[in-house]
């Protein structure tokens, strides 16, 4: 089991952001042994949300050897060519550490802000994934679809990784989403507050079936569980307050659902939740401290990870 840390790009506690704060967080994650540094993407959200690509670029020199993950970026909302250009630059400047996670997004507000019809998101997303591969991976053919085309478009510089950075596809577990991940992806990203250990295990088994049927090796197809918001504490009242007053309104999910799915509570309780996912085939989990973020990273590594062996 490997561990990643989400950059604190949502304003959950009213603190202002600073370059120093982000860099200190990245350096702490690296020092503690996290293998991945992750960002998620929204244009519009219920809380202030720092632009994910700008935030990731800001910590390149503080993130050591950690892999940098967009978990996920929104190519339909951002525009696939502009997004590919930014991601190629991040891969070059990071020394080839980028993993490109892509998803259609679930927020109609993002699509309205971008001027893209929400009902077209799935058809457009299928094209944008192929566009991203065409632009980011060397020797891929040009793509021409209904909505987008790379005909005559060459982005330089290319990403540093050869033939290109891996593309992981985000899916909450629908049959259509899992088929997309198996067909278009080099890996799969699930979302912690949108699934359960049982749901994850069933989805992972299905992806493995789809990969095998397509002649791909399921044992060389990575997965990850992102947006695992965490507040590890022995104080039950504080945990309940955070879910009720902060996470539930921000994520638009019911309190019992979030309390059951996320790393909220004692180290032993949190370790049990991660262990349940590991039994279902999880390779890596990306935690997202809600408050007191650097200390929460420490608590996870010192008190939760050892219980997982």
C-alpha atoms as a PDB file:
ATOM      1  CA  UNK A   1       0.000   0.000   0.000  1.00  0.00           C
ATOM      2  CA  UNK A   2       1.307   3.426  -0.988  1.00  0.00           C
ATOM      3  CA  UNK A   3       0.139   6.795   0.310  1.00  0.00           C
ATOM      4  CA  UNK A   4      -0.422  10.155  -1.307  1.00  0.00           C
ATOM      5  CA  UNK A   5      -1.399  13.566   0.054  1.00  0.00           C
ATOM      6  CA  UNK A   6      -3.774  16.061  -1.521  1.00  0.00           C
ATOM      7  CA  UNK A   7      -2.561  19.644  -1.554  1.00  0.00           C
ATOM      8  CA  UNK A   8      -4.821  21.780   0.715  1.00  0.00           C
ATOM      9  CA  UNK A   9      -6.404  23.807  -2.080  1.00  0.00           C
ATOM     10  CA  UNK A  10      -9.913  24.036  -0.551  1.00  0.00           C
ATOM     11  CA  UNK A  11     -10.462  26.730   2.076  1.00  0.00           C
ATOM     12  CA  UNK A  12     -12.160  24.660   4.773  1.00  0.00           C
ATOM     13  CA  UNK A  13     -11.115  26.723   7.801  1.00  0.00           C
ATOM     14  CA  UNK A  14     -10.968  30.346   6.636  1.00  0.00           C
ATOM     15  CA  UNK A  15      -7.187  30.477   6.468  1.00  0.00           C
ATOM     16  CA  UNK A  16      -5.621  32.397   3.633  1.00  0.00           C
ATOM     17  CA  UNK A  17      -3.286  30.593   1.284  1.00  0.00           C
ATOM     18  CA  UNK A  18       0.342  31.466   0.853  1.00  0.00           C
ATOM     19  CA  UNK A  19       3.194  30.082  -1.176  1.00  0.00           C
ATOM     20  CA  UNK A  20       4.992  29.295   2.065  1.00  0.00           C
ATOM     21  CA  UNK A  21       2.040  27.261   3.369  1.00  0.00           C
ATOM     22  CA  UNK A  22       1.804  25.114   0.238  1.00  0.00           C
ATOM     23  CA  UNK A  23       5.540  24.553   0.047  1.00  0.00           C
ATOM     24  CA  UNK A  24       5.760  23.633   3.724  1.00  0.00           C
ATOM     25  CA  UNK A  25       2.962  21.101   3.274  1.00  0.00           C
ATOM     26  CA  UNK A  26       4.646  19.524   0.248  1.00  0.00           C
ATOM     27  CA  UNK A  27       7.977  19.343   2.062  1.00  0.00           C
ATOM     28  CA  UNK A  28       6.324  17.717   5.080  1.00  0.00           C
ATOM     29  CA  UNK A  29       4.615  15.117   2.896  1.00  0.00           C
ATOM     30  CA  UNK A  30       7.932  14.302   1.230  1.00  0.00           C
ATOM     31  CA  UNK A  31       9.745  14.045   4.570  1.00  0.00           C
ATOM     32  CA  UNK A  32       7.117  11.687   5.969  1.00  0.00           C
ATOM     33  CA  UNK A  33       7.413   9.316   3.026  1.00  0.00           C
ATOM     34  CA  UNK A  34       4.289  10.039   0.991  1.00  0.00           C
ATOM     35  CA  UNK A  35       4.821   8.887  -2.590  1.00  0.00           C
ATOM     36  CA  UNK A  36       2.256  11.098  -4.331  1.00  0.00           C
ATOM     37  CA  UNK A  37       1.155  14.730  -4.201  1.00  0.00           C
ATOM     38  CA  UNK A  38      -2.327  15.241  -5.621  1.00  0.00           C
ATOM     39  CA  UNK A  39      -4.648  18.013  -6.778  1.00  0.00           C
ATOM     40  CA  UNK A  40      -8.309  18.050  -7.781  1.00  0.00           C
ATOM     41  CA  UNK A  41      -9.974  20.368 -10.243  1.00  0.00           C
ATOM     42  CA  UNK A  42     -12.976  22.704 -10.072  1.00  0.00           C
ATOM     43  CA  UNK A  43     -13.714  26.100 -11.533  1.00  0.00           C
ATOM     44  CA  UNK A  44     -16.644  26.727  -9.181  1.00  0.00           C
ATOM     45  CA  UNK A  45     -17.220  25.137  -5.761  1.00  0.00           C
ATOM     46  CA  UNK A  46     -19.108  25.612  -2.509  1.00  0.00           C
ATOM     47  CA  UNK A  47     -15.871  26.794  -0.845  1.00  0.00           C
ATOM     48  CA  UNK A  48     -12.961  28.839  -2.237  1.00  0.00           C
ATOM     49  CA  UNK A  49     -10.831  26.506  -4.361  1.00  0.00           C
ATOM     50  CA  UNK A  50      -7.286  27.368  -5.422  1.00  0.00           C
ATOM     51  CA  UNK A  51      -6.509  26.613  -9.067  1.00  0.00           C
ATOM     52  CA  UNK A  52      -5.037  23.123  -9.048  1.00  0.00           C
ATOM     53  CA  UNK A  53      -2.433  23.455 -11.809  1.00  0.00           C
ATOM     54  CA  UNK A  54      -1.093  26.729 -10.435  1.00  0.00           C
ATOM     55  CA  UNK A  55      -0.864  25.190  -6.960  1.00  0.00           C
ATOM     56  CA  UNK A  56       0.963  22.144  -8.285  1.00  0.00           C
ATOM     57  CA  UNK A  57       3.437  24.302 -10.181  1.00  0.00           C
ATOM     58  CA  UNK A  58       4.067  26.331  -7.022  1.00  0.00           C
ATOM     59  CA  UNK A  59       5.408  23.315  -5.119  1.00  0.00           C
ATOM     60  CA  UNK A  60       7.553  21.685  -7.793  1.00  0.00           C
ATOM     61  CA  UNK A  61      10.768  22.510  -5.969  1.00  0.00           C
ATOM     62  CA  UNK A  62       9.348  21.484  -2.571  1.00  0.00           C
ATOM     63  CA  UNK A  63       7.924  18.111  -3.546  1.00  0.00           C
ATOM     64  CA  UNK A  64      11.154  16.148  -3.824  1.00  0.00           C
ATOM     65  CA  UNK A  65      10.677  12.865  -5.650  1.00  0.00           C
ATOM     66  CA  UNK A  66       6.926  12.503  -5.119  1.00  0.00           C
ATOM     67  CA  UNK A  67       4.833  11.714  -8.178  1.00  0.00           C
ATOM     68  CA  UNK A  68       2.465  14.569  -9.016  1.00  0.00           C
ATOM     69  CA  UNK A  69      -1.115  13.526  -9.722  1.00  0.00           C
ATOM     70  CA  UNK A  70      -4.142  15.337 -11.099  1.00  0.00           C
ATOM     71  CA  UNK A  71      -6.882  13.339  -9.445  1.00  0.00           C
ATOM     72  CA  UNK A  72      -8.675  14.417 -11.553  1.00  0.00           C
ATOM     73  CA  UNK A  73      -8.312  17.284 -14.025  1.00  0.00           C
ATOM     74  CA  UNK A  74     -11.291  18.277 -16.182  1.00  0.00           C
ATOM     75  CA  UNK A  75     -10.354  18.339 -19.880  1.00  0.00           C
ATOM     76  CA  UNK A  76     -13.862  19.143 -21.109  1.00  0.00           C
ATOM     77  CA  UNK A  77     -14.185  22.116 -18.761  1.00  0.00           C
ATOM     78  CA  UNK A  78     -10.652  23.444 -19.288  1.00  0.00           C
ATOM     79  CA  UNK A  79     -10.343  22.573 -22.966  1.00  0.00           C
ATOM     80  CA  UNK A  80      -8.164  19.596 -23.877  1.00  0.00           C
ATOM     81  CA  UNK A  81      -5.480  21.394 -25.876  1.00  0.00           C
ATOM     82  CA  UNK A  82      -4.871  24.115 -23.280  1.00  0.00           C
ATOM     83  CA  UNK A  83      -4.859  21.514 -20.498  1.00  0.00           C
ATOM     84  CA  UNK A  84      -2.421  19.297 -22.390  1.00  0.00           C
ATOM     85  CA  UNK A  85      -0.090  22.265 -22.879  1.00  0.00           C
ATOM     86  CA  UNK A  86      -0.056  23.006 -19.137  1.00  0.00           C
ATOM     87  CA  UNK A  87       0.417  19.364 -18.178  1.00  0.00           C
ATOM     88  CA  UNK A  88       3.309  18.933 -20.600  1.00  0.00           C
ATOM     89  CA  UNK A  89       5.035  21.898 -18.957  1.00  0.00           C
ATOM     90  CA  UNK A  90       4.461  20.422 -15.494  1.00  0.00           C
ATOM     91  CA  UNK A  91       6.006  17.138 -16.569  1.00  0.00           C
ATOM     92  CA  UNK A  92       9.054  18.897 -18.007  1.00  0.00           C
ATOM     93  CA  UNK A  93       9.588  21.162 -14.999  1.00  0.00           C
ATOM     94  CA  UNK A  94       9.040  18.347 -12.477  1.00  0.00           C
ATOM     95  CA  UNK A  95      11.615  16.118 -14.100  1.00  0.00           C
ATOM     96  CA  UNK A  96       9.043  13.672 -15.440  1.00  0.00           C
ATOM     97  CA  UNK A  97       7.007  13.016 -12.274  1.00  0.00           C
ATOM     98  CA  UNK A  98       3.478  13.661 -13.580  1.00  0.00           C
ATOM     99  CA  UNK A  99       0.539  11.249 -13.581  1.00  0.00           C
ATOM    100  CA  UNK A 100      -2.374  12.681 -15.553  1.00  0.00           C
ATOM    101  CA  UNK A 101      -5.691  11.772 -13.958  1.00  0.00           C
ATOM    102  CA  UNK A 102      -8.690  12.776 -16.066  1.00  0.00           C
ATOM    103  CA  UNK A 103     -12.427  12.811 -15.430  1.00  0.00           C
ATOM    104  CA  UNK A 104     -15.560  14.390 -16.897  1.00  0.00           C
ATOM    105  CA  UNK A 105     -16.502  16.087 -13.628  1.00  0.00           C
ATOM    106  CA  UNK A 106     -19.891  15.960 -11.967  1.00  0.00           C
ATOM    107  CA  UNK A 107     -20.608  19.652 -11.382  1.00  0.00           C
ATOM    108  CA  UNK A 108     -23.067  21.391 -13.682  1.00  0.00           C
ATOM    109  CA  UNK A 109     -21.751  24.694 -12.293  1.00  0.00           C
ATOM    110  CA  UNK A 110     -18.295  23.996 -13.730  1.00  0.00           C
ATOM    111  CA  UNK A 111     -19.799  23.356 -17.142  1.00  0.00           C
ATOM    112  CA  UNK A 112     -21.972  26.455 -16.998  1.00  0.00           C
ATOM    113  CA  UNK A 113     -18.939  28.554 -16.073  1.00  0.00           C
ATOM    114  CA  UNK A 114     -17.018  27.110 -19.024  1.00  0.00           C
ATOM    115  CA  UNK A 115     -19.926  27.556 -21.442  1.00  0.00           C
ATOM    116  CA  UNK A 116     -20.144  23.833 -22.236  1.00  0.00           C
ATOM    117  CA  UNK A 117     -23.489  21.968 -22.234  1.00  0.00           C
ATOM    118  CA  UNK A 118     -23.533  19.650 -19.224  1.00  0.00           C
ATOM    119  CA  UNK A 119     -25.522  16.993 -21.080  1.00  0.00           C
ATOM    120  CA  UNK A 120     -22.663  16.614 -23.584  1.00  0.00           C
ATOM    121  CA  UNK A 121     -20.021  15.851 -20.954  1.00  0.00           C
ATOM    122  CA  UNK A 122     -19.730  12.107 -21.582  1.00  0.00           C
ATOM    123  CA  UNK A 123     -19.451  12.307 -25.350  1.00  0.00           C
ATOM    124  CA  UNK A 124     -17.009  15.178 -25.094  1.00  0.00           C
ATOM    125  CA  UNK A 125     -14.981  13.440 -22.406  1.00  0.00           C
ATOM    126  CA  UNK A 126     -14.432  10.370 -24.558  1.00  0.00           C
ATOM    127  CA  UNK A 127     -12.988  12.625 -27.241  1.00  0.00           C
ATOM    128  CA  UNK A 128     -10.868  14.685 -24.864  1.00  0.00           C
ATOM    129  CA  UNK A 129      -9.134  11.590 -23.466  1.00  0.00           C
ATOM    130  CA  UNK A 130      -8.144  10.580 -26.979  1.00  0.00           C
ATOM    131  CA  UNK A 131      -7.063  14.155 -27.697  1.00  0.00           C
ATOM    132  CA  UNK A 132      -4.910  14.237 -24.564  1.00  0.00           C
ATOM    133  CA  UNK A 133      -3.203  11.004 -25.526  1.00  0.00           C
ATOM    134  CA  UNK A 134      -2.662  12.266 -29.059  1.00  0.00           C
ATOM    135  CA  UNK A 135      -0.978  15.423 -27.740  1.00  0.00           C
ATOM    136  CA  UNK A 136       0.937  14.077 -24.728  1.00  0.00           C
ATOM    137  CA  UNK A 137       2.164  10.704 -25.986  1.00  0.00           C
ATOM    138  CA  UNK A 138       4.793  10.518 -28.703  1.00  0.00           C
ATOM    139  CA  UNK A 139       3.940   8.786 -31.971  1.00  0.00           C
ATOM    140  CA  UNK A 140       0.208   8.771 -31.274  1.00  0.00           C
ATOM    141  CA  UNK A 141      -1.869   9.496 -34.385  1.00  0.00           C
ATOM    142  CA  UNK A 142      -3.831  12.704 -34.830  1.00  0.00           C
ATOM    143  CA  UNK A 143      -7.424  12.620 -33.640  1.00  0.00           C
ATOM    144  CA  UNK A 144     -10.457  14.060 -35.380  1.00  0.00           C
ATOM    145  CA  UNK A 145     -13.839  13.828 -33.668  1.00  0.00           C
ATOM    146  CA  UNK A 146     -17.209  15.538 -33.565  1.00  0.00           C
ATOM    147  CA  UNK A 147     -16.145  18.169 -31.021  1.00  0.00           C
ATOM    148  CA  UNK A 148     -12.347  18.297 -31.166  1.00  0.00           C
ATOM    149  CA  UNK A 149      -9.457  17.702 -33.512  1.00  0.00           C
ATOM    150  CA  UNK A 150      -5.666  17.624 -33.210  1.00  0.00           C
ATOM    151  CA  UNK A 151      -5.175  17.788 -36.945  1.00  0.00           C
ATOM    152  CA  UNK A 152      -2.118  19.975 -37.549  1.00  0.00           C
ATOM    153  CA  UNK A 153      -1.590  20.543 -33.805  1.00  0.00           C
ATOM    154  CA  UNK A 154       1.760  19.663 -32.233  1.00  0.00           C
ATOM    155  CA  UNK A 155       2.506  20.805 -28.699  1.00  0.00           C
ATOM    156  CA  UNK A 156       6.134  21.412 -27.871  1.00  0.00           C
ATOM    157  CA  UNK A 157       7.953  20.843 -25.683  1.00  0.00           C
ATOM    158  CA  UNK A 158       6.743  17.286 -25.301  1.00  0.00           C
ATOM    159  CA  UNK A 159       6.439  15.865 -21.791  1.00  0.00           C
ATOM    160  CA  UNK A 160       9.724  14.599 -20.417  1.00  0.00           C
ATOM    161  CA  UNK A 161       8.433  11.063 -19.835  1.00  0.00           C
ATOM    162  CA  UNK A 162       8.613   8.795 -22.838  1.00  0.00           C
ATOM    163  CA  UNK A 163       6.459   7.978 -24.601  1.00  0.00           C
ATOM    164  CA  UNK A 164       4.382  10.243 -22.330  1.00  0.00           C
ATOM    165  CA  UNK A 165       2.912  10.559 -18.830  1.00  0.00           C
ATOM    166  CA  UNK A 166       0.479   7.824 -17.785  1.00  0.00           C
ATOM    167  CA  UNK A 167      -3.205   8.681 -18.154  1.00  0.00           C
ATOM    168  CA  UNK A 168      -5.428   7.439 -15.327  1.00  0.00           C
ATOM    169  CA  UNK A 169      -9.191   7.672 -15.771  1.00  0.00           C
ATOM    170  CA  UNK A 170     -11.476   8.662 -12.921  1.00  0.00           C
ATOM    171  CA  UNK A 171     -14.712   6.739 -12.407  1.00  0.00           C
ATOM    172  CA  UNK A 172     -17.045   6.376  -9.433  1.00  0.00           C
ATOM    173  CA  UNK A 173     -17.915   2.823 -10.470  1.00  0.00           C
ATOM    174  CA  UNK A 174     -20.630   2.889 -13.134  1.00  0.00           C
ATOM    175  CA  UNK A 175     -20.362   0.267 -15.864  1.00  0.00           C
ATOM    176  CA  UNK A 176     -19.836   2.948 -18.507  1.00  0.00           C
ATOM    177  CA  UNK A 177     -17.158   4.640 -16.412  1.00  0.00           C
ATOM    178  CA  UNK A 178     -15.299   1.399 -15.768  1.00  0.00           C
ATOM    179  CA  UNK A 179     -15.369   0.599 -19.471  1.00  0.00           C
ATOM    180  CA  UNK A 180     -13.844   4.002 -20.172  1.00  0.00           C
ATOM    181  CA  UNK A 181     -11.099   3.399 -17.632  1.00  0.00           C
ATOM    182  CA  UNK A 182     -10.242   0.006 -19.100  1.00  0.00           C
ATOM    183  CA  UNK A 183     -10.432   1.207 -22.698  1.00  0.00           C
ATOM    184  CA  UNK A 184      -8.722   4.588 -22.511  1.00  0.00           C
ATOM    185  CA  UNK A 185      -6.668   4.518 -19.333  1.00  0.00           C
ATOM    186  CA  UNK A 186      -3.286   3.431 -18.073  1.00  0.00           C
ATOM    187  CA  UNK A 187      -4.811   3.300 -14.572  1.00  0.00           C
ATOM    188  CA  UNK A 188      -8.018   3.948 -12.611  1.00  0.00           C
ATOM    189  CA  UNK A 189      -8.859   6.550  -9.968  1.00  0.00           C
ATOM    190  CA  UNK A 190     -11.824   6.103  -7.627  1.00  0.00           C
ATOM    191  CA  UNK A 191     -13.248   8.707  -5.240  1.00  0.00           C
ATOM    192  CA  UNK A 192     -13.444   7.855  -1.537  1.00  0.00           C
ATOM    193  CA  UNK A 193     -16.555   9.854  -0.677  1.00  0.00           C
ATOM    194  CA  UNK A 194     -18.373   8.411  -3.674  1.00  0.00           C
ATOM    195  CA  UNK A 195     -17.777   4.728  -2.979  1.00  0.00           C
ATOM    196  CA  UNK A 196     -17.401   2.084  -0.274  1.00  0.00           C
ATOM    197  CA  UNK A 197     -14.908  -0.762   0.191  1.00  0.00           C
ATOM    198  CA  UNK A 198     -17.479  -3.172  -1.219  1.00  0.00           C
ATOM    199  CA  UNK A 199     -18.224  -0.908  -4.162  1.00  0.00           C
ATOM    200  CA  UNK A 200     -14.546  -0.432  -4.860  1.00  0.00           C
ATOM    201  CA  UNK A 201     -13.852  -4.174  -4.785  1.00  0.00           C
ATOM    202  CA  UNK A 202     -16.695  -4.894  -7.202  1.00  0.00           C
ATOM    203  CA  UNK A 203     -15.560  -2.124  -9.550  1.00  0.00           C
ATOM    204  CA  UNK A 204     -11.943  -3.293  -9.452  1.00  0.00           C
ATOM    205  CA  UNK A 205     -12.942  -6.872 -10.243  1.00  0.00           C
ATOM    206  CA  UNK A 206     -14.990  -5.592 -13.167  1.00  0.00           C
ATOM    207  CA  UNK A 207     -12.101  -3.514 -14.520  1.00  0.00           C
ATOM    208  CA  UNK A 208      -9.832  -6.542 -14.320  1.00  0.00           C
ATOM    209  CA  UNK A 209     -12.372  -8.544 -16.325  1.00  0.00           C
ATOM    210  CA  UNK A 210     -12.587  -5.813 -18.959  1.00  0.00           C
ATOM    211  CA  UNK A 211      -8.815  -5.535 -19.206  1.00  0.00           C
ATOM    212  CA  UNK A 212      -8.371  -9.282 -19.611  1.00  0.00           C
ATOM    213  CA  UNK A 213     -11.068  -9.389 -22.285  1.00  0.00           C
ATOM    214  CA  UNK A 214      -9.208  -6.650 -24.176  1.00  0.00           C
ATOM    215  CA  UNK A 215      -5.907  -8.521 -23.973  1.00  0.00           C
ATOM    216  CA  UNK A 216      -4.401  -6.184 -21.364  1.00  0.00           C
ATOM    217  CA  UNK A 217      -2.621  -7.401 -18.234  1.00  0.00           C
ATOM    218  CA  UNK A 218      -4.725  -6.511 -15.156  1.00  0.00           C
ATOM    219  CA  UNK A 219      -1.683  -6.964 -12.912  1.00  0.00           C
ATOM    220  CA  UNK A 220       0.028  -4.022 -14.616  1.00  0.00           C
ATOM    221  CA  UNK A 221      -2.923  -1.639 -14.349  1.00  0.00           C
ATOM    222  CA  UNK A 222      -2.626   0.592 -11.251  1.00  0.00           C
ATOM    223  CA  UNK A 223      -5.453   2.019  -9.185  1.00  0.00           C
ATOM    224  CA  UNK A 224      -5.802   4.752  -6.594  1.00  0.00           C
ATOM    225  CA  UNK A 225      -8.436   6.089  -4.206  1.00  0.00           C
ATOM    226  CA  UNK A 226      -8.493   9.885  -4.149  1.00  0.00           C
ATOM    227  CA  UNK A 227     -10.374  12.527  -2.118  1.00  0.00           C
ATOM    228  CA  UNK A 228     -10.032  10.551   1.108  1.00  0.00           C
ATOM    229  CA  UNK A 229     -10.753  13.498   3.384  1.00  0.00           C
ATOM    230  CA  UNK A 230      -9.356  12.937   6.843  1.00  0.00           C
ATOM    231  CA  UNK A 231      -9.520  14.214  10.386  1.00  0.00           C
ATOM    232  CA  UNK A 232      -7.855  11.653  12.618  1.00  0.00           C
ATOM    233  CA  UNK A 233      -8.743  12.293  16.244  1.00  0.00           C
ATOM    234  CA  UNK A 234      -9.750  10.529  19.445  1.00  0.00           C
ATOM    235  CA  UNK A 235     -12.218  13.344  20.168  1.00  0.00           C
ATOM    236  CA  UNK A 236     -15.556  12.088  18.909  1.00  0.00           C
ATOM    237  CA  UNK A 237     -17.306  15.418  19.373  1.00  0.00           C
ATOM    238  CA  UNK A 238     -14.718  17.258  17.298  1.00  0.00           C
ATOM    239  CA  UNK A 239     -15.000  14.673  14.533  1.00  0.00           C
ATOM    240  CA  UNK A 240     -18.796  14.897  14.458  1.00  0.00           C
ATOM    241  CA  UNK A 241     -18.657  18.698  14.426  1.00  0.00           C
ATOM    242  CA  UNK A 242     -16.271  18.753  11.464  1.00  0.00           C
ATOM    243  CA  UNK A 243     -18.459  16.426   9.412  1.00  0.00           C
ATOM    244  CA  UNK A 244     -21.662  18.298  10.288  1.00  0.00           C
ATOM    245  CA  UNK A 245     -20.422  21.879   9.956  1.00  0.00           C
ATOM    246  CA  UNK A 246     -17.673  21.621   7.322  1.00  0.00           C
ATOM    247  CA  UNK A 247     -17.672  18.522   5.136  1.00  0.00           C
ATOM    248  CA  UNK A 248     -21.386  17.842   4.747  1.00  0.00           C
ATOM    249  CA  UNK A 249     -22.291  21.308   3.395  1.00  0.00           C
ATOM    250  CA  UNK A 250     -19.111  21.541   1.306  1.00  0.00           C
ATOM    251  CA  UNK A 251     -19.494  18.144  -0.370  1.00  0.00           C
ATOM    252  CA  UNK A 252     -23.310  18.066  -0.391  1.00  0.00           C
ATOM    253  CA  UNK A 253     -23.373  14.629   1.222  1.00  0.00           C
ATOM    254  CA  UNK A 254     -25.234  13.353   4.278  1.00  0.00           C
ATOM    255  CA  UNK A 255     -23.327  13.258   7.568  1.00  0.00           C
ATOM    256  CA  UNK A 256     -23.672   9.488   8.195  1.00  0.00           C
ATOM    257  CA  UNK A 257     -22.465   8.713   4.681  1.00  0.00           C
ATOM    258  CA  UNK A 258     -19.343  10.857   5.043  1.00  0.00           C
ATOM    259  CA  UNK A 259     -18.564   9.626   8.555  1.00  0.00           C
ATOM    260  CA  UNK A 260     -18.700   6.034   7.332  1.00  0.00           C
ATOM    261  CA  UNK A 261     -16.658   6.539   4.173  1.00  0.00           C
ATOM    262  CA  UNK A 262     -13.915   8.980   5.142  1.00  0.00           C
ATOM    263  CA  UNK A 263     -11.000   8.845   7.577  1.00  0.00           C
ATOM    264  CA  UNK A 264     -12.857  10.581  10.383  1.00  0.00           C
ATOM    265  CA  UNK A 265     -12.197   9.319  13.894  1.00  0.00           C
ATOM    266  CA  UNK A 266      -9.583   7.392  15.824  1.00  0.00           C
ATOM    267  CA  UNK A 267      -6.401   5.978  14.257  1.00  0.00           C
ATOM    268  CA  UNK A 268      -7.722   2.452  14.769  1.00  0.00           C
ATOM    269  CA  UNK A 269     -11.018   3.258  13.048  1.00  0.00           C
ATOM    270  CA  UNK A 270      -9.249   4.944  10.139  1.00  0.00           C
ATOM    271  CA  UNK A 271      -6.794   2.076   9.712  1.00  0.00           C
ATOM    272  CA  UNK A 272      -9.709  -0.338   9.571  1.00  0.00           C
ATOM    273  CA  UNK A 273     -11.296   1.615   6.732  1.00  0.00           C
ATOM    274  CA  UNK A 274      -8.093   1.634   4.667  1.00  0.00           C
ATOM    275  CA  UNK A 275      -7.554  -2.069   5.373  1.00  0.00           C
ATOM    276  CA  UNK A 276     -11.030  -2.836   4.030  1.00  0.00           C
ATOM    277  CA  UNK A 277     -10.116  -1.146   0.757  1.00  0.00           C
ATOM    278  CA  UNK A 278      -6.802  -2.977   0.611  1.00  0.00           C
ATOM    279  CA  UNK A 279      -8.625  -6.299   0.875  1.00  0.00           C
ATOM    280  CA  UNK A 280     -10.625  -5.213  -2.173  1.00  0.00           C
ATOM    281  CA  UNK A 281      -7.483  -4.659  -4.231  1.00  0.00           C
ATOM    282  CA  UNK A 282      -6.572  -1.028  -3.525  1.00  0.00           C
ATOM    283  CA  UNK A 283      -2.976  -0.109  -4.406  1.00  0.00           C
ATOM    284  CA  UNK A 284      -2.725   3.447  -3.030  1.00  0.00           C
ATOM    285  CA  UNK A 285      -4.837   5.954  -1.110  1.00  0.00           C
ATOM    286  CA  UNK A 286      -4.587   9.748  -1.348  1.00  0.00           C
ATOM    287  CA  UNK A 287      -5.579  11.457   1.909  1.00  0.00           C
ATOM    288  CA  UNK A 288      -6.852  15.038   2.153  1.00  0.00           C
ATOM    289  CA  UNK A 289      -6.508  16.640   5.606  1.00  0.00           C
ATOM    290  CA  UNK A 290      -9.424  18.978   6.224  1.00  0.00           C
ATOM    291  CA  UNK A 291      -7.836  21.101   8.969  1.00  0.00           C
ATOM    292  CA  UNK A 292      -4.439  21.259  10.697  1.00  0.00           C
ATOM    293  CA  UNK A 293      -3.078  19.656   7.566  1.00  0.00           C
ATOM    294  CA  UNK A 294       0.599  19.109   8.332  1.00  0.00           C
ATOM    295  CA  UNK A 295      -0.147  17.621  11.742  1.00  0.00           C
ATOM    296  CA  UNK A 296      -2.747  15.337  10.165  1.00  0.00           C
ATOM    297  CA  UNK A 297      -0.110  14.031   7.755  1.00  0.00           C
ATOM    298  CA  UNK A 298       2.090  13.250  10.756  1.00  0.00           C
ATOM    299  CA  UNK A 299      -0.747  11.513  12.608  1.00  0.00           C
ATOM    300  CA  UNK A 300      -1.575   9.375   9.583  1.00  0.00           C
ATOM    301  CA  UNK A 301       2.007   8.208   9.089  1.00  0.00           C
ATOM    302  CA  UNK A 302       2.827   7.784  12.783  1.00  0.00           C
ATOM    303  CA  UNK A 303      -0.425   6.266  14.045  1.00  0.00           C
ATOM    304  CA  UNK A 304      -2.483   4.912  11.125  1.00  0.00           C
ATOM    305  CA  UNK A 305       0.055   3.535   8.646  1.00  0.00           C
ATOM    306  CA  UNK A 306       1.815   1.305  11.227  1.00  0.00           C
ATOM    307  CA  UNK A 307      -1.494  -0.433  11.943  1.00  0.00           C
ATOM    308  CA  UNK A 308      -1.667  -1.380   8.261  1.00  0.00           C
ATOM    309  CA  UNK A 309       1.747  -3.061   8.315  1.00  0.00           C
END
